[in-house]
């Protein structure tokens, strides 16, 4: 048995195995990077309005109740595809009007339902928030959420 695996052979197995798995790791990392940059990007450029909308989203802590592509709280609906659900993804003005009307109607006062608080958001902030949600809706999420309702 001692002649079968000498010190030299054990060292060669160790180095050979290490090199093999480092090569496999580098190849998988390169493939993952290629896949992500090719498929998981937004179809819309990151404009100043989108950036401003992201700041509005963060300042009002929307993620404390809503999810965005599965990240956040599960108290309120997923908003990563809200513009598609409302049918206004390709119409920026309609997207703004829908979001503004929804936000102005809150809280709805319907007994027994979760209530969204009323936020004092300016028209500029509302337009920016609608652009951010339109941008998020165009991100390739690889079929997330699994259904239209989020």
C-alpha atoms as a PDB file:
ATOM      1  CA  UNK A   1       0.000   0.000   0.000  1.00  0.00           C
ATOM      2  CA  UNK A   2       2.787   2.416   0.825  1.00  0.00           C
ATOM      3  CA  UNK A   3       4.288   1.926  -2.655  1.00  0.00           C
ATOM      4  CA  UNK A   4       0.993   2.859  -4.342  1.00  0.00           C
ATOM      5  CA  UNK A   5       0.774   6.444  -3.048  1.00  0.00           C
ATOM      6  CA  UNK A   6       4.189   7.867  -2.504  1.00  0.00           C
ATOM      7  CA  UNK A   7       4.891  11.329  -1.210  1.00  0.00           C
ATOM      8  CA  UNK A   8       5.609  12.537  -4.717  1.00  0.00           C
ATOM      9  CA  UNK A   9       2.357  11.104  -6.111  1.00  0.00           C
ATOM     10  CA  UNK A  10       0.307  12.586  -3.241  1.00  0.00           C
ATOM     11  CA  UNK A  11       1.841  16.002  -3.929  1.00  0.00           C
ATOM     12  CA  UNK A  12       1.026  15.665  -7.643  1.00  0.00           C
ATOM     13  CA  UNK A  13      -2.594  14.671  -6.871  1.00  0.00           C
ATOM     14  CA  UNK A  14      -2.933  17.671  -4.548  1.00  0.00           C
ATOM     15  CA  UNK A  15      -1.465  20.183  -7.020  1.00  0.00           C
ATOM     16  CA  UNK A  16      -3.254  18.671  -9.998  1.00  0.00           C
ATOM     17  CA  UNK A  17      -6.620  18.670  -8.186  1.00  0.00           C
ATOM     18  CA  UNK A  18      -6.095  22.213  -6.942  1.00  0.00           C
ATOM     19  CA  UNK A  19      -5.258  23.508 -10.405  1.00  0.00           C
ATOM     20  CA  UNK A  20      -8.223  21.647 -11.917  1.00  0.00           C
ATOM     21  CA  UNK A  21     -10.717  23.159  -9.466  1.00  0.00           C
ATOM     22  CA  UNK A  22      -9.237  26.652  -9.775  1.00  0.00           C
ATOM     23  CA  UNK A  23      -9.683  26.395 -13.560  1.00  0.00           C
ATOM     24  CA  UNK A  24     -13.277  25.164 -13.081  1.00  0.00           C
ATOM     25  CA  UNK A  25     -13.979  28.041 -10.653  1.00  0.00           C
ATOM     26  CA  UNK A  26     -12.571  30.667 -13.051  1.00  0.00           C
ATOM     27  CA  UNK A  27     -14.555  29.197 -15.977  1.00  0.00           C
ATOM     28  CA  UNK A  28     -17.823  29.220 -13.986  1.00  0.00           C
ATOM     29  CA  UNK A  29     -17.159  32.780 -12.799  1.00  0.00           C
ATOM     30  CA  UNK A  30     -16.544  33.950 -16.369  1.00  0.00           C
ATOM     31  CA  UNK A  31     -19.687  32.177 -17.591  1.00  0.00           C
ATOM     32  CA  UNK A  32     -21.782  33.723 -14.805  1.00  0.00           C
ATOM     33  CA  UNK A  33     -20.442  37.188 -15.599  1.00  0.00           C
ATOM     34  CA  UNK A  34     -21.168  36.721 -19.317  1.00  0.00           C
ATOM     35  CA  UNK A  35     -24.699  35.522 -18.562  1.00  0.00           C
ATOM     36  CA  UNK A  36     -25.471  38.370 -16.154  1.00  0.00           C
ATOM     37  CA  UNK A  37     -24.201  41.123 -18.436  1.00  0.00           C
ATOM     38  CA  UNK A  38     -26.054  39.654 -21.427  1.00  0.00           C
ATOM     39  CA  UNK A  39     -29.466  38.940 -19.887  1.00  0.00           C
ATOM     40  CA  UNK A  40     -30.009  40.571 -16.498  1.00  0.00           C
ATOM     41  CA  UNK A  41     -29.896  44.245 -17.375  1.00  0.00           C
ATOM     42  CA  UNK A  42     -32.579  46.862 -17.697  1.00  0.00           C
ATOM     43  CA  UNK A  43     -34.007  47.729 -21.074  1.00  0.00           C
ATOM     44  CA  UNK A  44     -34.108  51.387 -20.079  1.00  0.00           C
ATOM     45  CA  UNK A  45     -31.103  53.592 -19.354  1.00  0.00           C
ATOM     46  CA  UNK A  46     -30.541  54.894 -15.850  1.00  0.00           C
ATOM     47  CA  UNK A  47     -31.688  58.504 -16.260  1.00  0.00           C
ATOM     48  CA  UNK A  48     -31.658  61.321 -13.704  1.00  0.00           C
ATOM     49  CA  UNK A  49     -35.415  60.813 -13.190  1.00  0.00           C
ATOM     50  CA  UNK A  50     -34.853  57.133 -12.374  1.00  0.00           C
ATOM     51  CA  UNK A  51     -32.093  58.026  -9.913  1.00  0.00           C
ATOM     52  CA  UNK A  52     -34.317  60.646  -8.298  1.00  0.00           C
ATOM     53  CA  UNK A  53     -37.159  58.110  -8.100  1.00  0.00           C
ATOM     54  CA  UNK A  54     -34.858  55.645  -6.351  1.00  0.00           C
ATOM     55  CA  UNK A  55     -34.027  58.348  -3.798  1.00  0.00           C
ATOM     56  CA  UNK A  56     -37.766  59.006  -3.267  1.00  0.00           C
ATOM     57  CA  UNK A  57     -38.286  55.227  -2.832  1.00  0.00           C
ATOM     58  CA  UNK A  58     -35.527  55.120  -0.212  1.00  0.00           C
ATOM     59  CA  UNK A  59     -36.442  58.364   1.580  1.00  0.00           C
ATOM     60  CA  UNK A  60     -40.032  57.234   2.125  1.00  0.00           C
ATOM     61  CA  UNK A  61     -38.902  53.689   3.081  1.00  0.00           C
ATOM     62  CA  UNK A  62     -41.234  52.028   0.576  1.00  0.00           C
ATOM     63  CA  UNK A  63     -39.271  48.791   0.926  1.00  0.00           C
ATOM     64  CA  UNK A  64     -40.408  48.531   4.554  1.00  0.00           C
ATOM     65  CA  UNK A  65     -43.822  47.430   3.252  1.00  0.00           C
ATOM     66  CA  UNK A  66     -43.395  46.581  -0.457  1.00  0.00           C
ATOM     67  CA  UNK A  67     -41.111  44.169  -2.253  1.00  0.00           C
ATOM     68  CA  UNK A  68     -39.130  45.068  -5.336  1.00  0.00           C
ATOM     69  CA  UNK A  69     -38.176  41.948  -7.310  1.00  0.00           C
ATOM     70  CA  UNK A  70     -38.647  39.824  -4.200  1.00  0.00           C
ATOM     71  CA  UNK A  71     -36.516  42.002  -1.905  1.00  0.00           C
ATOM     72  CA  UNK A  72     -38.140  43.872   0.960  1.00  0.00           C
ATOM     73  CA  UNK A  73     -41.140  43.337   3.197  1.00  0.00           C
ATOM     74  CA  UNK A  74     -44.176  41.246   2.326  1.00  0.00           C
ATOM     75  CA  UNK A  75     -46.787  43.472   3.962  1.00  0.00           C
ATOM     76  CA  UNK A  76     -47.809  45.199   0.727  1.00  0.00           C
ATOM     77  CA  UNK A  77     -47.800  44.113  -2.945  1.00  0.00           C
ATOM     78  CA  UNK A  78     -44.758  43.515  -5.126  1.00  0.00           C
ATOM     79  CA  UNK A  79     -44.092  46.652  -7.172  1.00  0.00           C
ATOM     80  CA  UNK A  80     -41.399  45.353  -9.509  1.00  0.00           C
ATOM     81  CA  UNK A  81     -44.048  44.692 -12.155  1.00  0.00           C
ATOM     82  CA  UNK A  82     -46.742  47.174 -11.133  1.00  0.00           C
ATOM     83  CA  UNK A  83     -46.542  49.169 -14.365  1.00  0.00           C
ATOM     84  CA  UNK A  84     -47.129  46.003 -16.404  1.00  0.00           C
ATOM     85  CA  UNK A  85     -50.081  45.067 -14.179  1.00  0.00           C
ATOM     86  CA  UNK A  86     -51.559  48.540 -14.687  1.00  0.00           C
ATOM     87  CA  UNK A  87     -50.874  48.380 -18.442  1.00  0.00           C
ATOM     88  CA  UNK A  88     -48.869  51.610 -18.534  1.00  0.00           C
ATOM     89  CA  UNK A  89     -45.287  50.358 -18.913  1.00  0.00           C
ATOM     90  CA  UNK A  90     -44.755  52.033 -22.284  1.00  0.00           C
ATOM     91  CA  UNK A  91     -46.654  55.233 -21.464  1.00  0.00           C
ATOM     92  CA  UNK A  92     -44.735  57.492 -19.042  1.00  0.00           C
ATOM     93  CA  UNK A  93     -47.519  60.057 -18.650  1.00  0.00           C
ATOM     94  CA  UNK A  94     -50.167  57.400 -17.976  1.00  0.00           C
ATOM     95  CA  UNK A  95     -47.795  55.686 -15.541  1.00  0.00           C
ATOM     96  CA  UNK A  96     -47.432  58.948 -13.631  1.00  0.00           C
ATOM     97  CA  UNK A  97     -51.200  59.563 -13.628  1.00  0.00           C
ATOM     98  CA  UNK A  98     -51.987  56.024 -12.412  1.00  0.00           C
ATOM     99  CA  UNK A  99     -49.402  56.171  -9.633  1.00  0.00           C
ATOM    100  CA  UNK A 100     -50.460  59.673  -8.596  1.00  0.00           C
ATOM    101  CA  UNK A 101     -54.136  58.699  -8.481  1.00  0.00           C
ATOM    102  CA  UNK A 102     -53.333  55.567  -6.469  1.00  0.00           C
ATOM    103  CA  UNK A 103     -51.185  57.460  -3.974  1.00  0.00           C
ATOM    104  CA  UNK A 104     -53.777  60.245  -3.581  1.00  0.00           C
ATOM    105  CA  UNK A 105     -56.484  57.654  -2.827  1.00  0.00           C
ATOM    106  CA  UNK A 106     -54.539  56.256   0.139  1.00  0.00           C
ATOM    107  CA  UNK A 107     -55.430  55.287   2.761  1.00  0.00           C
ATOM    108  CA  UNK A 108     -58.533  53.742   1.218  1.00  0.00           C
ATOM    109  CA  UNK A 109     -60.408  53.396   4.507  1.00  0.00           C
ATOM    110  CA  UNK A 110     -61.780  49.964   3.572  1.00  0.00           C
ATOM    111  CA  UNK A 111     -62.422  48.103   6.805  1.00  0.00           C
ATOM    112  CA  UNK A 112     -60.306  45.004   7.353  1.00  0.00           C
ATOM    113  CA  UNK A 113     -57.717  45.788   4.655  1.00  0.00           C
ATOM    114  CA  UNK A 114     -54.123  46.790   5.083  1.00  0.00           C
ATOM    115  CA  UNK A 115     -53.844  50.526   4.656  1.00  0.00           C
ATOM    116  CA  UNK A 116     -51.111  52.439   2.884  1.00  0.00           C
ATOM    117  CA  UNK A 117     -50.385  55.744   4.600  1.00  0.00           C
ATOM    118  CA  UNK A 118     -50.770  59.018   2.744  1.00  0.00           C
ATOM    119  CA  UNK A 119     -47.437  60.513   1.680  1.00  0.00           C
ATOM    120  CA  UNK A 120     -46.881  64.171   0.885  1.00  0.00           C
ATOM    121  CA  UNK A 121     -44.994  63.752  -2.377  1.00  0.00           C
ATOM    122  CA  UNK A 122     -44.483  66.566  -4.866  1.00  0.00           C
ATOM    123  CA  UNK A 123     -45.378  66.201  -8.535  1.00  0.00           C
ATOM    124  CA  UNK A 124     -41.682  66.074  -9.444  1.00  0.00           C
ATOM    125  CA  UNK A 125     -41.071  63.297  -6.903  1.00  0.00           C
ATOM    126  CA  UNK A 126     -44.142  61.380  -8.101  1.00  0.00           C
ATOM    127  CA  UNK A 127     -42.985  61.571 -11.720  1.00  0.00           C
ATOM    128  CA  UNK A 128     -39.532  60.389 -10.676  1.00  0.00           C
ATOM    129  CA  UNK A 129     -41.008  57.527  -8.638  1.00  0.00           C
ATOM    130  CA  UNK A 130     -43.117  56.432 -11.610  1.00  0.00           C
ATOM    131  CA  UNK A 131     -39.994  56.483 -13.814  1.00  0.00           C
ATOM    132  CA  UNK A 132     -38.119  54.396 -11.242  1.00  0.00           C
ATOM    133  CA  UNK A 133     -40.946  51.839 -11.142  1.00  0.00           C
ATOM    134  CA  UNK A 134     -41.105  51.771 -14.966  1.00  0.00           C
ATOM    135  CA  UNK A 135     -37.338  51.211 -15.057  1.00  0.00           C
ATOM    136  CA  UNK A 136     -37.579  48.426 -12.460  1.00  0.00           C
ATOM    137  CA  UNK A 137     -40.401  46.810 -14.439  1.00  0.00           C
ATOM    138  CA  UNK A 138     -38.177  46.592 -17.533  1.00  0.00           C
ATOM    139  CA  UNK A 139     -35.383  44.777 -15.723  1.00  0.00           C
ATOM    140  CA  UNK A 140     -34.977  41.170 -16.856  1.00  0.00           C
ATOM    141  CA  UNK A 141     -35.830  39.320 -13.653  1.00  0.00           C
ATOM    142  CA  UNK A 142     -35.797  35.890 -15.317  1.00  0.00           C
ATOM    143  CA  UNK A 143     -39.535  35.380 -14.751  1.00  0.00           C
ATOM    144  CA  UNK A 144     -39.772  36.813 -11.234  1.00  0.00           C
ATOM    145  CA  UNK A 145     -42.308  37.262  -9.741  1.00  0.00           C
ATOM    146  CA  UNK A 146     -43.806  33.910 -10.681  1.00  0.00           C
ATOM    147  CA  UNK A 147     -47.239  35.426 -11.340  1.00  0.00           C
ATOM    148  CA  UNK A 148     -48.585  38.815 -12.418  1.00  0.00           C
ATOM    149  CA  UNK A 149     -49.940  39.657  -8.978  1.00  0.00           C
ATOM    150  CA  UNK A 150     -46.447  39.508  -7.521  1.00  0.00           C
END
